[in-house]
Structures are given as C-alpha cells and as structure tokens.
Amino acid sequence: MSVMTTDLEQIFRTVEKLSPNELKLLRERIERSARQNKVDYRPRGYPDEAAELFAIPFDRYLAMSEDERAEIAFRAYRILDRWIDQELKARQAKWLLVCGGKILDASPKLIEYPSAKRLMALGKKHGLIPFVFIYKPLIEESNWSAMADSDYYPTLPINVAKFGATKEKLLSGGVVIEADFDTGSPNLLLDYDQMVSNDVIAPQRSDQEHFRPHLGEYYRCYFLPITVGIINNGGQTVLKELGAFFVRNWRQSSLCWVNPNREALAGRNLLLEFPLKVELDGEKKATKVTGKKTARKQSKKRK
C-alpha cells in the first residue's frame, strides 16, 4: 500500500467521526480551495457576456429547436466578433474550435473543419457546446451586375456531388449549376435547400450554423465538404474535394441582391485549389476552362 493511500484512509476515518457542523465547514473549505485552484482557460480574455453561452450544457443544447440553437450561434458571433478575429489572426487560422471558453483546435485549412462526429464526441465528453467559429469570408461583389439587360455576370459551370463521390457518380448523379463566377469571393457558396433536396448533403440537425455579414446583412450557413467537378474546354472533367458554404434561405439572402437569379457563387478558391486556367470571353459572353494551371518553374536556391 502506498503512502498516499495510507494518508487518504486516515483522512476518511477522520471525516467519518466529524459532526454535521464540522462536515459543513469541511465542505465549504473544499469548495473554496477548488475555486482558488480552478484554471482559467480564457485566452486573451473573451468578453464576460460569452461566459453564459460557454456554460450551456450540451444535453440542453441538443434538446433545443433548430431556431433556438441558431439564436445561440448568432449571439456568440455578435458578442465574440472581435475576439474571434483576434484569435484567428494570432493563429493564422480559418476556424477555431472552442469548448467551455478554451480553444481546443484551429487550422488554416477550411477542409480540416471538424466533423459532426467529432463535435458530438467533444460535446458529450465535456458536457458543453463545442463552438466552431469561422473567419469572415469577405465577398467583394464585382461591378458586373446582372440586373440590367445590357450587363452580364460571368458564370462558371460546375458539377457538385456528395463528399467522396467518384467521377462516375459525379457525372451520373451530380447537380450541374451555372454559378456566378466572382474572384471577389474567396469561397464557393451554394443553396442549402437545393443541395439537401438533391442529396448532395444531408439535412443538418445538430451542427452549428454560422452567421456571416454581407452588404450589411447576415446570412446563415453551414460549412461542409463536397466533391466538385469542372469540365474543361477539351471535355475532360477535373475533380476536387473541397469545403463549401451552404446558405440557408438562399433566395432571401443578401447574396442574391446583386443578381436575383444567382444559383451559386463560385469564388477564387476554385482557381487556386484545382488549380485552373480560365478564359473570360466578353464578346461571346462565355467562360472557358482551358485546362489546369501550369506550375511556375522554381528558381534555383542559392547555395
């Protein structure tokens, strides 16, 4: 038997002999010691108003309605707006995973966004909501407004399917979309309801929604991985797995103010992640994907 075990046994025997008043004093002393030794995980000090949100039990969160969970996420983004930007910048990250006020993970790659399975496991483990906060994907709308008959908005035909889909499944069961092509947008944004109805993504029951500003209004979205295919000028389909934002109430969102007929918004990440060579033909008002972008020759390093 170890010395520590012997000491504990002696303490237990002493406690059993205490009177009710003495036990009460002992409990108060233990609670005071626990408060003094409690570790504060607040990195750089998040706003005090967020403490209430970070303390919400995970079981209660799961029992809430979809609108109630969305309200919690919206409040968190509004209260923690500057703190989120500060922590993302400090870590050069695109997302933060926060539970109980402690930052558990972060990454500069959106494709590494935590899965629903991982978030559920963390929520059950800690008993608190695992919040994921993403950066502000600033969309700088181009001046090509499609509102006027004399003006046109460049488009890029894309084919989308479930994450992990093969080329055959993409071509046979994917959804073909004429997406507005705007390099002012850093990411691909899609219509959530359209993608659910076409079985590209599953309905999101417990995943946290994100609220991002655009043209002075907030739109609601999820971030999920999918498979995207683009057909080049030679008829070949180029395939890539990447993350996309799925926007709720797409037609009513500010993303459709510039072009009410917009089906999706294809950003510059498609150019960079595939990567692609794209030709915009103003005379024919057509977009051509002429092939994959060729890598530049690297200059020789100095010895």
C-alpha atoms as a PDB file:
ATOM      1  CA  MET A   1       0.000   0.000   0.000  1.00  0.00           C
ATOM      2  CA  SER A   2       1.412   3.401  -0.971  1.00  0.00           C
ATOM      3  CA  VAL A   3       1.980   6.257   1.442  1.00  0.00           C
ATOM      4  CA  MET A   4      -0.670   8.347  -0.377  1.00  0.00           C
ATOM      5  CA  THR A   5      -3.284   5.581   0.006  1.00  0.00           C
ATOM      6  CA  THR A   6      -2.471   5.250   3.730  1.00  0.00           C
ATOM      7  CA  ASP A   7      -2.864   9.021   4.213  1.00  0.00           C
ATOM      8  CA  LEU A   8      -6.203   9.024   2.400  1.00  0.00           C
ATOM      9  CA  GLU A   9      -7.509   6.155   4.520  1.00  0.00           C
ATOM     10  CA  GLN A  10      -6.585   8.075   7.659  1.00  0.00           C
ATOM     11  CA  ILE A  11      -8.382  11.175   6.328  1.00  0.00           C
ATOM     12  CA  PHE A  12     -11.505   9.114   5.535  1.00  0.00           C
ATOM     13  CA  ARG A  13     -11.565   7.683   9.066  1.00  0.00           C
ATOM     14  CA  THR A  14     -11.253  11.191  10.484  1.00  0.00           C
ATOM     15  CA  VAL A  15     -14.079  12.511   8.281  1.00  0.00           C
ATOM     16  CA  GLU A  16     -16.400   9.726   9.434  1.00  0.00           C
ATOM     17  CA  LYS A  17     -16.048  10.960  13.016  1.00  0.00           C
ATOM     18  CA  LEU A  18     -16.958  14.589  12.232  1.00  0.00           C
ATOM     19  CA  SER A  19     -20.221  16.139  13.419  1.00  0.00           C
ATOM     20  CA  PRO A  20     -22.744  17.636  10.932  1.00  0.00           C
ATOM     21  CA  ASN A  21     -21.483  21.168  11.629  1.00  0.00           C
ATOM     22  CA  GLU A  22     -17.886  20.079  11.174  1.00  0.00           C
ATOM     23  CA  LEU A  23     -18.780  18.356   7.877  1.00  0.00           C
ATOM     24  CA  LYS A  24     -20.434  21.561   6.692  1.00  0.00           C
ATOM     25  CA  LEU A  25     -17.287  23.561   7.456  1.00  0.00           C
ATOM     26  CA  LEU A  26     -15.185  20.954   5.666  1.00  0.00           C
ATOM     27  CA  ARG A  27     -17.358  21.153   2.535  1.00  0.00           C
ATOM     28  CA  GLU A  28     -17.071  24.942   2.497  1.00  0.00           C
ATOM     29  CA  ARG A  29     -13.299  24.710   2.829  1.00  0.00           C
ATOM     30  CA  ILE A  30     -13.060  22.185  -0.028  1.00  0.00           C
ATOM     31  CA  GLU A  31     -15.236  24.340  -2.300  1.00  0.00           C
ATOM     32  CA  ARG A  32     -13.131  27.429  -1.512  1.00  0.00           C
ATOM     33  CA  SER A  33      -9.927  25.539  -2.319  1.00  0.00           C
ATOM     34  CA  ALA A  34     -11.428  24.268  -5.595  1.00  0.00           C
ATOM     35  CA  ARG A  35     -12.346  27.820  -6.650  1.00  0.00           C
ATOM     36  CA  GLN A  36      -8.858  29.083  -5.861  1.00  0.00           C
ATOM     37  CA  ASN A  37      -7.186  26.275  -7.811  1.00  0.00           C
ATOM     38  CA  LYS A  38      -9.542  26.453 -10.795  1.00  0.00           C
ATOM     39  CA  VAL A  39      -7.672  27.050 -14.055  1.00  0.00           C
ATOM     40  CA  ASP A  40      -8.968  29.919 -16.191  1.00  0.00           C
ATOM     41  CA  TYR A  41      -8.678  28.859 -19.822  1.00  0.00           C
ATOM     42  CA  ARG A  42      -9.763  32.188 -21.303  1.00  0.00           C
ATOM     43  CA  PRO A  43      -7.158  33.020 -23.966  1.00  0.00           C
ATOM     44  CA  ARG A  44      -6.585  36.775 -24.198  1.00  0.00           C
ATOM     45  CA  GLY A  45      -9.816  37.309 -22.273  1.00  0.00           C
ATOM     46  CA  TYR A  46     -13.072  36.784 -24.136  1.00  0.00           C
ATOM     47  CA  PRO A  47     -15.983  39.156 -23.279  1.00  0.00           C
ATOM     48  CA  ASP A  48     -17.757  38.378 -19.995  1.00  0.00           C
ATOM     49  CA  GLU A  49     -21.106  38.110 -21.815  1.00  0.00           C
ATOM     50  CA  ALA A  50     -19.864  34.962 -23.550  1.00  0.00           C
ATOM     51  CA  ALA A  51     -19.348  33.074 -20.272  1.00  0.00           C
ATOM     52  CA  GLU A  52     -23.088  32.298 -20.118  1.00  0.00           C
ATOM     53  CA  LEU A  53     -23.029  30.802 -23.631  1.00  0.00           C
ATOM     54  CA  PHE A  54     -19.909  28.738 -22.948  1.00  0.00           C
ATOM     55  CA  ALA A  55     -21.588  27.291 -19.810  1.00  0.00           C
ATOM     56  CA  ILE A  56     -24.727  25.957 -21.561  1.00  0.00           C
ATOM     57  CA  PRO A  57     -24.933  22.163 -21.022  1.00  0.00           C
ATOM     58  CA  PHE A  58     -24.585  20.134 -24.226  1.00  0.00           C
ATOM     59  CA  ASP A  59     -27.618  17.957 -23.415  1.00  0.00           C
ATOM     60  CA  ARG A  60     -29.809  21.046 -23.109  1.00  0.00           C
ATOM     61  CA  TYR A  61     -28.397  22.385 -26.386  1.00  0.00           C
ATOM     62  CA  LEU A  62     -29.278  19.154 -28.244  1.00  0.00           C
ATOM     63  CA  ALA A  63     -32.817  19.288 -26.872  1.00  0.00           C
ATOM     64  CA  MET A  64     -33.370  22.799 -28.261  1.00  0.00           C
ATOM     65  CA  SER A  65     -35.161  23.567 -31.504  1.00  0.00           C
ATOM     66  CA  GLU A  66     -33.184  24.469 -34.632  1.00  0.00           C
ATOM     67  CA  ASP A  67     -34.113  28.141 -34.248  1.00  0.00           C
ATOM     68  CA  GLU A  68     -33.015  28.185 -30.597  1.00  0.00           C
ATOM     69  CA  ARG A  69     -29.626  26.697 -31.490  1.00  0.00           C
ATOM     70  CA  ALA A  70     -29.270  29.214 -34.313  1.00  0.00           C
ATOM     71  CA  GLU A  71     -30.003  32.048 -31.878  1.00  0.00           C
ATOM     72  CA  ILE A  72     -27.188  30.839 -29.600  1.00  0.00           C
ATOM     73  CA  ALA A  73     -24.742  30.741 -32.528  1.00  0.00           C
ATOM     74  CA  PHE A  74     -25.832  34.213 -33.664  1.00  0.00           C
ATOM     75  CA  ARG A  75     -25.378  35.647 -30.154  1.00  0.00           C
ATOM     76  CA  ALA A  76     -21.951  34.043 -29.907  1.00  0.00           C
ATOM     77  CA  TYR A  77     -20.813  35.606 -33.196  1.00  0.00           C
ATOM     78  CA  ARG A  78     -22.147  39.033 -32.215  1.00  0.00           C
ATOM     79  CA  ILE A  79     -20.612  39.004 -28.718  1.00  0.00           C
ATOM     80  CA  LEU A  80     -17.296  37.432 -29.727  1.00  0.00           C
ATOM     81  CA  ASP A  81     -16.836  39.139 -33.100  1.00  0.00           C
ATOM     82  CA  ARG A  82     -13.596  40.987 -32.268  1.00  0.00           C
ATOM     83  CA  TRP A  83     -12.283  38.157 -30.063  1.00  0.00           C
ATOM     84  CA  ILE A  84     -12.792  35.609 -32.877  1.00  0.00           C
ATOM     85  CA  ASP A  85     -10.952  37.820 -35.381  1.00  0.00           C
ATOM     86  CA  GLN A  86      -8.139  38.361 -32.866  1.00  0.00           C
ATOM     87  CA  GLU A  87      -7.679  34.649 -32.139  1.00  0.00           C
ATOM     88  CA  LEU A  88      -7.906  33.649 -35.812  1.00  0.00           C
ATOM     89  CA  LYS A  89      -5.302  36.241 -36.728  1.00  0.00           C
ATOM     90  CA  ALA A  90      -2.972  35.176 -33.909  1.00  0.00           C
ATOM     91  CA  ARG A  91      -3.117  31.559 -35.109  1.00  0.00           C
ATOM     92  CA  GLN A  92      -3.284  32.398 -38.838  1.00  0.00           C
ATOM     93  CA  ALA A  93      -6.349  30.143 -38.875  1.00  0.00           C
ATOM     94  CA  LYS A  94      -9.619  29.927 -40.786  1.00  0.00           C
ATOM     95  CA  TRP A  95     -11.563  28.308 -37.934  1.00  0.00           C
ATOM     96  CA  LEU A  96     -11.466  27.887 -34.150  1.00  0.00           C
ATOM     97  CA  LEU A  97     -12.886  25.075 -32.043  1.00  0.00           C
ATOM     98  CA  VAL A  98     -13.886  26.388 -28.602  1.00  0.00           C
ATOM     99  CA  CYS A  99     -15.449  24.478 -25.702  1.00  0.00           C
ATOM    100  CA  GLY A 100     -16.054  25.972 -22.279  1.00  0.00           C
ATOM    101  CA  GLY A 101     -14.094  29.056 -23.317  1.00  0.00           C
ATOM    102  CA  LYS A 102     -10.972  27.019 -24.089  1.00  0.00           C
ATOM    103  CA  ILE A 103      -9.614  26.878 -27.654  1.00  0.00           C
ATOM    104  CA  LEU A 104      -9.184  23.175 -28.398  1.00  0.00           C
ATOM    105  CA  ASP A 105      -8.118  23.361 -32.033  1.00  0.00           C
ATOM    106  CA  ALA A 106      -7.592  25.647 -35.034  1.00  0.00           C
ATOM    107  CA  SER A 107      -6.436  25.311 -38.623  1.00  0.00           C
ATOM    108  CA  PRO A 108      -5.509  27.478 -41.625  1.00  0.00           C
ATOM    109  CA  LYS A 109      -7.372  24.999 -43.884  1.00  0.00           C
ATOM    110  CA  LEU A 110     -11.155  25.056 -44.124  1.00  0.00           C
ATOM    111  CA  ILE A 111     -11.154  21.485 -45.437  1.00  0.00           C
ATOM    112  CA  GLU A 112      -9.930  20.425 -41.964  1.00  0.00           C
ATOM    113  CA  TYR A 113     -13.107  21.805 -40.365  1.00  0.00           C
ATOM    114  CA  PRO A 114     -14.189  19.439 -37.517  1.00  0.00           C
ATOM    115  CA  SER A 115     -16.659  16.717 -38.491  1.00  0.00           C
ATOM    116  CA  ALA A 116     -20.104  16.407 -36.898  1.00  0.00           C
ATOM    117  CA  LYS A 117     -18.974  13.117 -35.326  1.00  0.00           C
ATOM    118  CA  ARG A 118     -16.010  14.797 -33.648  1.00  0.00           C
ATOM    119  CA  LEU A 119     -18.100  17.711 -32.370  1.00  0.00           C
ATOM    120  CA  MET A 120     -20.694  15.332 -30.939  1.00  0.00           C
ATOM    121  CA  ALA A 121     -17.971  13.345 -29.158  1.00  0.00           C
ATOM    122  CA  LEU A 122     -16.428  16.524 -27.714  1.00  0.00           C
ATOM    123  CA  GLY A 123     -19.814  17.797 -26.565  1.00  0.00           C
ATOM    124  CA  LYS A 124     -20.530  14.564 -24.719  1.00  0.00           C
ATOM    125  CA  LYS A 125     -17.017  14.416 -23.245  1.00  0.00           C
ATOM    126  CA  HIS A 126     -17.003  17.975 -21.853  1.00  0.00           C
ATOM    127  CA  GLY A 127     -20.762  18.341 -21.301  1.00  0.00           C
ATOM    128  CA  LEU A 128     -20.651  21.744 -23.028  1.00  0.00           C
ATOM    129  CA  ILE A 129     -21.301  23.106 -26.514  1.00  0.00           C
ATOM    130  CA  PRO A 130     -18.317  22.715 -28.871  1.00  0.00           C
ATOM    131  CA  PHE A 131     -18.476  26.006 -30.779  1.00  0.00           C
ATOM    132  CA  VAL A 132     -16.729  26.342 -34.137  1.00  0.00           C
ATOM    133  CA  PHE A 133     -16.076  29.892 -35.328  1.00  0.00           C
ATOM    134  CA  ILE A 134     -15.008  30.639 -38.889  1.00  0.00           C
ATOM    135  CA  TYR A 135     -13.345  33.672 -40.423  1.00  0.00           C
ATOM    136  CA  LYS A 136     -15.278  36.344 -42.285  1.00  0.00           C
ATOM    137  CA  PRO A 137     -15.199  35.357 -45.983  1.00  0.00           C
ATOM    138  CA  LEU A 138     -15.371  38.923 -47.268  1.00  0.00           C
ATOM    139  CA  ILE A 139     -17.180  38.961 -50.619  1.00  0.00           C
ATOM    140  CA  GLU A 140     -16.212  41.943 -52.754  1.00  0.00           C
ATOM    141  CA  GLU A 141     -19.019  41.970 -55.298  1.00  0.00           C
ATOM    142  CA  SER A 142     -17.816  42.780 -58.776  1.00  0.00           C
ATOM    143  CA  ASN A 143     -19.355  45.642 -60.713  1.00  0.00           C
ATOM    144  CA  TRP A 144     -20.817  43.205 -63.255  1.00  0.00           C
ATOM    145  CA  SER A 145     -24.384  43.500 -62.092  1.00  0.00           C
ATOM    146  CA  ALA A 146     -26.781  41.155 -63.858  1.00  0.00           C
ATOM    147  CA  MET A 147     -29.705  43.429 -63.071  1.00  0.00           C
ATOM    148  CA  ALA A 148     -29.556  45.347 -66.357  1.00  0.00           C
ATOM    149  CA  ASP A 149     -30.258  43.879 -69.800  1.00  0.00           C
ATOM    150  CA  SER A 150     -27.069  45.398 -71.177  1.00  0.00           C
ATOM    151  CA  ASP A 151     -24.870  43.880 -68.483  1.00  0.00           C
ATOM    152  CA  TYR A 152     -23.774  40.317 -67.813  1.00  0.00           C
ATOM    153  CA  TYR A 153     -22.297  38.435 -64.909  1.00  0.00           C
ATOM    154  CA  PRO A 154     -19.577  35.868 -65.720  1.00  0.00           C
ATOM    155  CA  THR A 155     -20.582  32.305 -64.882  1.00  0.00           C
ATOM    156  CA  LEU A 156     -18.702  29.064 -64.333  1.00  0.00           C
ATOM    157  CA  PRO A 157     -20.498  25.723 -64.882  1.00  0.00           C
ATOM    158  CA  ILE A 158     -19.748  23.327 -62.039  1.00  0.00           C
ATOM    159  CA  ASN A 159     -20.955  19.874 -61.067  1.00  0.00           C
ATOM    160  CA  VAL A 160     -21.354  19.072 -57.365  1.00  0.00           C
ATOM    161  CA  ALA A 161     -21.913  15.770 -55.568  1.00  0.00           C
ATOM    162  CA  LYS A 162     -21.503  14.146 -52.173  1.00  0.00           C
ATOM    163  CA  PHE A 163     -18.122  14.285 -50.499  1.00  0.00           C
ATOM    164  CA  GLY A 164     -16.118  11.271 -51.642  1.00  0.00           C
ATOM    165  CA  ALA A 165     -18.074  10.741 -54.880  1.00  0.00           C
ATOM    166  CA  THR A 166     -16.194   9.153 -57.771  1.00  0.00           C
ATOM    167  CA  LYS A 167     -16.026  10.779 -61.199  1.00  0.00           C
ATOM    168  CA  GLU A 168     -18.634   8.296 -62.470  1.00  0.00           C
ATOM    169  CA  LYS A 169     -21.066   9.162 -59.658  1.00  0.00           C
ATOM    170  CA  LEU A 170     -20.425  12.858 -60.127  1.00  0.00           C
ATOM    171  CA  LEU A 171     -21.233  12.680 -63.845  1.00  0.00           C
ATOM    172  CA  SER A 172     -24.271  10.419 -63.430  1.00  0.00           C
ATOM    173  CA  GLY A 173     -25.854  11.849 -60.279  1.00  0.00           C
ATOM    174  CA  GLY A 174     -24.252  15.213 -59.606  1.00  0.00           C
ATOM    175  CA  VAL A 175     -26.007  18.596 -59.773  1.00  0.00           C
ATOM    176  CA  VAL A 176     -24.923  20.881 -62.621  1.00  0.00           C
ATOM    177  CA  ILE A 177     -25.007  24.565 -61.695  1.00  0.00           C
ATOM    178  CA  GLU A 178     -24.269  27.779 -63.571  1.00  0.00           C
ATOM    179  CA  ALA A 179     -22.523  29.577 -60.738  1.00  0.00           C
ATOM    180  CA  ASP A 180     -21.792  33.290 -60.816  1.00  0.00           C
ATOM    181  CA  PHE A 181     -18.014  33.478 -61.083  1.00  0.00           C
ATOM    182  CA  ASP A 182     -16.571  36.239 -58.930  1.00  0.00           C
ATOM    183  CA  THR A 183     -12.938  36.355 -57.854  1.00  0.00           C
ATOM    184  CA  GLY A 184     -14.059  38.894 -55.250  1.00  0.00           C
ATOM    185  CA  SER A 185     -15.405  35.915 -53.302  1.00  0.00           C
ATOM    186  CA  PRO A 186     -12.842  33.716 -51.544  1.00  0.00           C
ATOM    187  CA  ASN A 187     -15.075  30.633 -51.387  1.00  0.00           C
ATOM    188  CA  LEU A 188     -17.780  28.565 -53.052  1.00  0.00           C
ATOM    189  CA  LEU A 189     -21.266  29.349 -51.728  1.00  0.00           C
ATOM    190  CA  LEU A 190     -24.270  27.129 -52.504  1.00  0.00           C
ATOM    191  CA  ASP A 191     -28.014  26.984 -51.825  1.00  0.00           C
ATOM    192  CA  TYR A 192     -28.506  24.772 -48.749  1.00  0.00           C
ATOM    193  CA  ASP A 193     -32.076  23.708 -49.585  1.00  0.00           C
ATOM    194  CA  GLN A 194     -31.190  22.902 -53.194  1.00  0.00           C
ATOM    195  CA  MET A 195     -28.256  20.758 -52.109  1.00  0.00           C
ATOM    196  CA  VAL A 196     -30.321  18.895 -49.484  1.00  0.00           C
ATOM    197  CA  SER A 197     -33.128  18.193 -51.954  1.00  0.00           C
ATOM    198  CA  ASN A 198     -30.599  16.805 -54.438  1.00  0.00           C
ATOM    199  CA  ASP A 199     -28.931  14.611 -51.785  1.00  0.00           C
ATOM    200  CA  VAL A 200     -25.574  16.396 -52.105  1.00  0.00           C
ATOM    201  CA  ILE A 201     -25.564  16.996 -48.336  1.00  0.00           C
ATOM    202  CA  ALA A 202     -27.687  15.616 -45.512  1.00  0.00           C
ATOM    203  CA  PRO A 203     -30.039  17.892 -43.534  1.00  0.00           C
ATOM    204  CA  GLN A 204     -28.117  19.427 -40.648  1.00  0.00           C
ATOM    205  CA  ARG A 205     -29.909  18.663 -37.385  1.00  0.00           C
ATOM    206  CA  SER A 206     -27.381  19.461 -34.684  1.00  0.00           C
ATOM    207  CA  ASP A 207     -24.439  21.113 -36.452  1.00  0.00           C
ATOM    208  CA  GLN A 208     -23.789  24.723 -35.537  1.00  0.00           C
ATOM    209  CA  GLU A 209     -24.852  27.370 -38.023  1.00  0.00           C
ATOM    210  CA  HIS A 210     -22.552  30.252 -38.899  1.00  0.00           C
ATOM    211  CA  PHE A 211     -23.604  33.866 -39.379  1.00  0.00           C
ATOM    212  CA  ARG A 212     -21.538  35.902 -41.841  1.00  0.00           C
ATOM    213  CA  PRO A 213     -22.016  39.540 -42.884  1.00  0.00           C
ATOM    214  CA  HIS A 214     -22.568  40.613 -46.489  1.00  0.00           C
ATOM    215  CA  LEU A 215     -23.776  44.022 -47.731  1.00  0.00           C
ATOM    216  CA  GLY A 216     -24.779  44.973 -44.190  1.00  0.00           C
ATOM    217  CA  GLU A 217     -26.883  41.854 -43.576  1.00  0.00           C
ATOM    218  CA  TYR A 218     -26.106  38.467 -42.037  1.00  0.00           C
ATOM    219  CA  TYR A 219     -26.688  35.205 -43.872  1.00  0.00           C
ATOM    220  CA  ARG A 220     -26.954  31.799 -42.161  1.00  0.00           C
ATOM    221  CA  CYS A 221     -24.808  28.939 -43.386  1.00  0.00           C
ATOM    222  CA  TYR A 222     -23.125  25.616 -42.698  1.00  0.00           C
ATOM    223  CA  PHE A 223     -19.639  24.639 -43.783  1.00  0.00           C
ATOM    224  CA  LEU A 224     -19.386  21.125 -45.236  1.00  0.00           C
ATOM    225  CA  PRO A 225     -17.085  19.163 -47.586  1.00  0.00           C
ATOM    226  CA  ILE A 226     -18.285  18.121 -51.062  1.00  0.00           C
ATOM    227  CA  THR A 227     -16.959  16.924 -54.411  1.00  0.00           C
ATOM    228  CA  VAL A 228     -16.771  19.478 -57.222  1.00  0.00           C
ATOM    229  CA  GLY A 229     -16.204  18.794 -60.893  1.00  0.00           C
ATOM    230  CA  ILE A 230     -15.376  21.289 -63.650  1.00  0.00           C
ATOM    231  CA  ILE A 231     -15.369  20.428 -67.368  1.00  0.00           C
ATOM    232  CA  ASN A 232     -12.551  21.991 -69.326  1.00  0.00           C
ATOM    233  CA  ASN A 233     -12.610  23.076 -72.960  1.00  0.00           C
ATOM    234  CA  GLY A 234     -11.443  19.609 -74.057  1.00  0.00           C
ATOM    235  CA  GLY A 235     -14.426  17.893 -72.433  1.00  0.00           C
ATOM    236  CA  GLN A 236     -12.421  16.457 -69.542  1.00  0.00           C
ATOM    237  CA  THR A 237     -13.810  16.646 -66.014  1.00  0.00           C
ATOM    238  CA  VAL A 238     -11.417  17.848 -63.343  1.00  0.00           C
ATOM    239  CA  LEU A 239     -12.355  16.595 -59.860  1.00  0.00           C
ATOM    240  CA  LYS A 240     -11.624  18.111 -56.446  1.00  0.00           C
ATOM    241  CA  GLU A 241     -12.848  17.612 -52.872  1.00  0.00           C
ATOM    242  CA  LEU A 242     -13.202  20.895 -51.019  1.00  0.00           C
ATOM    243  CA  GLY A 243     -15.298  22.711 -48.453  1.00  0.00           C
ATOM    244  CA  ALA A 244     -18.211  24.971 -49.344  1.00  0.00           C
ATOM    245  CA  PHE A 245     -20.623  27.266 -47.533  1.00  0.00           C
ATOM    246  CA  PHE A 246     -24.265  26.153 -47.700  1.00  0.00           C
ATOM    247  CA  VAL A 247     -26.511  29.174 -47.218  1.00  0.00           C
ATOM    248  CA  ARG A 248     -29.973  28.956 -45.653  1.00  0.00           C
ATOM    249  CA  ASN A 249     -32.841  30.855 -47.310  1.00  0.00           C
ATOM    250  CA  TRP A 250     -30.633  31.451 -50.339  1.00  0.00           C
ATOM    251  CA  ARG A 251     -33.128  33.481 -52.392  1.00  0.00           C
ATOM    252  CA  GLN A 252     -33.881  35.809 -49.473  1.00  0.00           C
ATOM    253  CA  SER A 253     -30.223  36.305 -48.537  1.00  0.00           C
ATOM    254  CA  SER A 254     -28.127  39.353 -49.406  1.00  0.00           C
ATOM    255  CA  LEU A 255     -26.068  37.124 -51.727  1.00  0.00           C
ATOM    256  CA  CYS A 256     -28.872  37.405 -54.303  1.00  0.00           C
ATOM    257  CA  TRP A 257     -29.268  41.174 -54.117  1.00  0.00           C
ATOM    258  CA  VAL A 258     -26.778  41.810 -56.921  1.00  0.00           C
ATOM    259  CA  ASN A 259     -28.218  39.030 -59.082  1.00  0.00           C
ATOM    260  CA  PRO A 260     -31.694  37.737 -58.072  1.00  0.00           C
ATOM    261  CA  ASN A 261     -31.268  34.757 -60.418  1.00  0.00           C
ATOM    262  CA  ARG A 262     -27.996  33.639 -58.870  1.00  0.00           C
ATOM    263  CA  GLU A 263     -27.788  29.843 -58.342  1.00  0.00           C
ATOM    264  CA  ALA A 264     -24.415  29.792 -56.596  1.00  0.00           C
ATOM    265  CA  LEU A 265     -21.320  31.896 -56.135  1.00  0.00           C
ATOM    266  CA  ALA A 266     -18.014  30.404 -57.312  1.00  0.00           C
ATOM    267  CA  GLY A 267     -15.024  32.100 -55.722  1.00  0.00           C
ATOM    268  CA  ARG A 268     -11.338  32.284 -56.431  1.00  0.00           C
ATOM    269  CA  ASN A 269     -10.645  29.184 -54.312  1.00  0.00           C
ATOM    270  CA  LEU A 270     -11.703  27.126 -57.354  1.00  0.00           C
ATOM    271  CA  LEU A 271      -8.921  28.755 -59.366  1.00  0.00           C
ATOM    272  CA  LEU A 272      -6.379  28.236 -56.621  1.00  0.00           C
ATOM    273  CA  GLU A 273      -7.260  24.779 -55.313  1.00  0.00           C
ATOM    274  CA  PHE A 274      -7.797  22.895 -58.578  1.00  0.00           C
ATOM    275  CA  PRO A 275      -5.873  24.991 -59.956  1.00  0.00           C
ATOM    276  CA  LEU A 276      -7.427  26.202 -63.232  1.00  0.00           C
ATOM    277  CA  LYS A 277      -6.739  28.380 -66.240  1.00  0.00           C
ATOM    278  CA  VAL A 278      -9.916  30.284 -67.109  1.00  0.00           C
ATOM    279  CA  GLU A 279     -10.648  32.478 -70.101  1.00  0.00           C
ATOM    280  CA  LEU A 280     -13.457  35.044 -69.961  1.00  0.00           C
ATOM    281  CA  ASP A 281     -14.775  35.890 -73.416  1.00  0.00           C
ATOM    282  CA  GLY A 282     -16.568  39.246 -73.307  1.00  0.00           C
ATOM    283  CA  GLU A 283     -17.641  39.067 -76.968  1.00  0.00           C
ATOM    284  CA  LYS A 284     -19.299  35.659 -76.683  1.00  0.00           C
ATOM    285  CA  LYS A 285     -20.176  36.200 -73.023  1.00  0.00           C
ATOM    286  CA  ALA A 286     -18.789  32.762 -72.193  1.00  0.00           C
ATOM    287  CA  THR A 287     -16.330  31.255 -69.740  1.00  0.00           C
ATOM    288  CA  LYS A 288     -13.811  28.687 -70.940  1.00  0.00           C
ATOM    289  CA  VAL A 289     -11.780  26.439 -68.675  1.00  0.00           C
ATOM    290  CA  THR A 290      -8.746  25.943 -70.871  1.00  0.00           C
ATOM    291  CA  GLY A 291      -7.041  23.454 -68.556  1.00  0.00           C
ATOM    292  CA  LYS A 292      -5.111  23.132 -65.348  1.00  0.00           C
ATOM    293  CA  LYS A 293      -2.835  25.980 -64.406  1.00  0.00           C
ATOM    294  CA  THR A 294       0.782  25.086 -65.076  1.00  0.00           C
ATOM    295  CA  ALA A 295       3.194  25.451 -62.196  1.00  0.00           C
ATOM    296  CA  ARG A 296       5.911  28.061 -62.484  1.00  0.00           C
ATOM    297  CA  LYS A 297       9.466  26.868 -62.687  1.00  0.00           C
ATOM    298  CA  GLN A 298      11.119  27.340 -59.343  1.00  0.00           C
ATOM    299  CA  SER A 299      14.259  29.402 -59.341  1.00  0.00           C
ATOM    300  CA  LYS A 300      17.385  27.706 -58.104  1.00  0.00           C
ATOM    301  CA  LYS A 301      18.113  28.261 -54.472  1.00  0.00           C
ATOM    302  CA  ARG A 302      21.320  29.966 -53.508  1.00  0.00           C
ATOM    303  CA  LYS A 303      23.865  27.643 -52.039  1.00  0.00           C
END
